[in-house]
């Protein structure tokens, strides 16, 4: 599992998480990905270097599907 980045401004992070959860309808990996964007846009930063195990950018580029989408696409083939 990837290390969790240390945020320099916990208050900005809490606001970013709340905003992302509200927009995405609850807690999810995508909501936390959006929270990172909101945090950075608000001027938030992190301590230290980015971990080599942090693969959020790669994960975000992958073609994720719900079970229903997967089954629907499989039926079309």
C-alpha atoms as a PDB file:
ATOM      1  CA  UNK A   1       0.000   0.000   0.000  1.00  0.00           C
ATOM      2  CA  UNK A   2       1.216   3.489  -0.794  1.00  0.00           C
ATOM      3  CA  UNK A   3       2.399   5.817   1.929  1.00  0.00           C
ATOM      4  CA  UNK A   4       0.044   8.659   2.793  1.00  0.00           C
ATOM      5  CA  UNK A   5       1.440  12.084   1.945  1.00  0.00           C
ATOM      6  CA  UNK A   6       1.821  14.490   4.880  1.00  0.00           C
ATOM      7  CA  UNK A   7      -0.262  17.600   4.236  1.00  0.00           C
ATOM      8  CA  UNK A   8       1.118  20.920   5.454  1.00  0.00           C
ATOM      9  CA  UNK A   9      -2.341  22.446   6.004  1.00  0.00           C
ATOM     10  CA  UNK A  10      -4.791  19.985   7.633  1.00  0.00           C
ATOM     11  CA  UNK A  11      -7.595  22.586   7.660  1.00  0.00           C
ATOM     12  CA  UNK A  12      -7.387  23.082   3.866  1.00  0.00           C
ATOM     13  CA  UNK A  13      -7.295  19.305   3.446  1.00  0.00           C
ATOM     14  CA  UNK A  14     -10.438  18.856   5.568  1.00  0.00           C
ATOM     15  CA  UNK A  15     -12.250  21.486   3.488  1.00  0.00           C
ATOM     16  CA  UNK A  16     -11.099  19.880   0.224  1.00  0.00           C
ATOM     17  CA  UNK A  17     -12.274  16.433   1.389  1.00  0.00           C
ATOM     18  CA  UNK A  18     -15.677  17.755   2.449  1.00  0.00           C
ATOM     19  CA  UNK A  19     -16.134  19.554  -0.877  1.00  0.00           C
ATOM     20  CA  UNK A  20     -15.114  16.487  -2.888  1.00  0.00           C
ATOM     21  CA  UNK A  21     -17.320  14.118  -0.872  1.00  0.00           C
ATOM     22  CA  UNK A  22     -20.293  16.422  -1.362  1.00  0.00           C
ATOM     23  CA  UNK A  23     -19.713  16.639  -5.121  1.00  0.00           C
ATOM     24  CA  UNK A  24     -19.104  12.894  -5.544  1.00  0.00           C
ATOM     25  CA  UNK A  25     -21.918  11.758  -3.233  1.00  0.00           C
ATOM     26  CA  UNK A  26     -19.733  10.277  -0.509  1.00  0.00           C
ATOM     27  CA  UNK A  27     -16.305   8.872   0.200  1.00  0.00           C
ATOM     28  CA  UNK A  28     -14.589   7.052  -2.656  1.00  0.00           C
ATOM     29  CA  UNK A  29     -11.186   6.798  -4.278  1.00  0.00           C
ATOM     30  CA  UNK A  30     -12.341   9.197  -7.000  1.00  0.00           C
ATOM     31  CA  UNK A  31     -13.603  11.646  -4.365  1.00  0.00           C
ATOM     32  CA  UNK A  32     -10.191  11.622  -2.684  1.00  0.00           C
ATOM     33  CA  UNK A  33      -8.522  12.112  -6.063  1.00  0.00           C
ATOM     34  CA  UNK A  34     -10.728  15.191  -6.540  1.00  0.00           C
ATOM     35  CA  UNK A  35      -9.933  16.327  -2.982  1.00  0.00           C
ATOM     36  CA  UNK A  36      -6.220  16.323  -3.853  1.00  0.00           C
ATOM     37  CA  UNK A  37      -6.970  18.601  -6.811  1.00  0.00           C
ATOM     38  CA  UNK A  38      -9.043  20.935  -4.619  1.00  0.00           C
ATOM     39  CA  UNK A  39      -6.322  20.945  -1.952  1.00  0.00           C
ATOM     40  CA  UNK A  40      -3.608  21.841  -4.458  1.00  0.00           C
ATOM     41  CA  UNK A  41      -5.832  24.476  -6.127  1.00  0.00           C
ATOM     42  CA  UNK A  42      -6.333  26.093  -2.689  1.00  0.00           C
ATOM     43  CA  UNK A  43      -2.558  26.371  -2.265  1.00  0.00           C
ATOM     44  CA  UNK A  44      -2.111  23.238  -0.178  1.00  0.00           C
ATOM     45  CA  UNK A  45       1.253  21.494  -0.256  1.00  0.00           C
ATOM     46  CA  UNK A  46       2.966  18.400   1.100  1.00  0.00           C
ATOM     47  CA  UNK A  47       6.043  17.687   3.210  1.00  0.00           C
ATOM     48  CA  UNK A  48       8.952  15.785   1.718  1.00  0.00           C
ATOM     49  CA  UNK A  49       9.335  14.075  -1.635  1.00  0.00           C
ATOM     50  CA  UNK A  50       6.633  12.103  -3.412  1.00  0.00           C
ATOM     51  CA  UNK A  51       6.833   8.397  -2.622  1.00  0.00           C
ATOM     52  CA  UNK A  52       7.772   5.989  -5.418  1.00  0.00           C
ATOM     53  CA  UNK A  53       4.765   3.895  -4.409  1.00  0.00           C
ATOM     54  CA  UNK A  54       2.361   6.777  -5.177  1.00  0.00           C
ATOM     55  CA  UNK A  55       0.647   5.699  -8.396  1.00  0.00           C
ATOM     56  CA  UNK A  56      -2.499   7.847  -8.285  1.00  0.00           C
ATOM     57  CA  UNK A  57      -1.819   9.428 -11.682  1.00  0.00           C
ATOM     58  CA  UNK A  58      -1.389   6.024 -13.342  1.00  0.00           C
ATOM     59  CA  UNK A  59      -4.468   4.679 -11.555  1.00  0.00           C
ATOM     60  CA  UNK A  60      -6.519   7.640 -12.751  1.00  0.00           C
ATOM     61  CA  UNK A  61      -5.629   6.926 -16.386  1.00  0.00           C
ATOM     62  CA  UNK A  62      -6.824   3.324 -16.196  1.00  0.00           C
ATOM     63  CA  UNK A  63     -10.184   2.438 -17.735  1.00  0.00           C
ATOM     64  CA  UNK A  64     -12.197   1.535 -14.632  1.00  0.00           C
ATOM     65  CA  UNK A  65     -15.754   0.243 -15.009  1.00  0.00           C
ATOM     66  CA  UNK A  66     -18.588  -0.724 -12.736  1.00  0.00           C
ATOM     67  CA  UNK A  67     -19.698  -4.347 -12.715  1.00  0.00           C
ATOM     68  CA  UNK A  68     -22.746  -3.369 -14.777  1.00  0.00           C
ATOM     69  CA  UNK A  69     -20.612  -1.567 -17.383  1.00  0.00           C
ATOM     70  CA  UNK A  70     -18.268  -4.539 -17.606  1.00  0.00           C
ATOM     71  CA  UNK A  71     -21.126  -7.006 -18.114  1.00  0.00           C
ATOM     72  CA  UNK A  72     -22.831  -4.738 -20.661  1.00  0.00           C
ATOM     73  CA  UNK A  73     -19.620  -4.372 -22.678  1.00  0.00           C
ATOM     74  CA  UNK A  74     -19.006  -8.117 -22.487  1.00  0.00           C
ATOM     75  CA  UNK A  75     -22.483  -8.839 -23.875  1.00  0.00           C
ATOM     76  CA  UNK A  76     -21.821  -6.574 -26.881  1.00  0.00           C
ATOM     77  CA  UNK A  77     -18.775  -8.613 -27.931  1.00  0.00           C
END
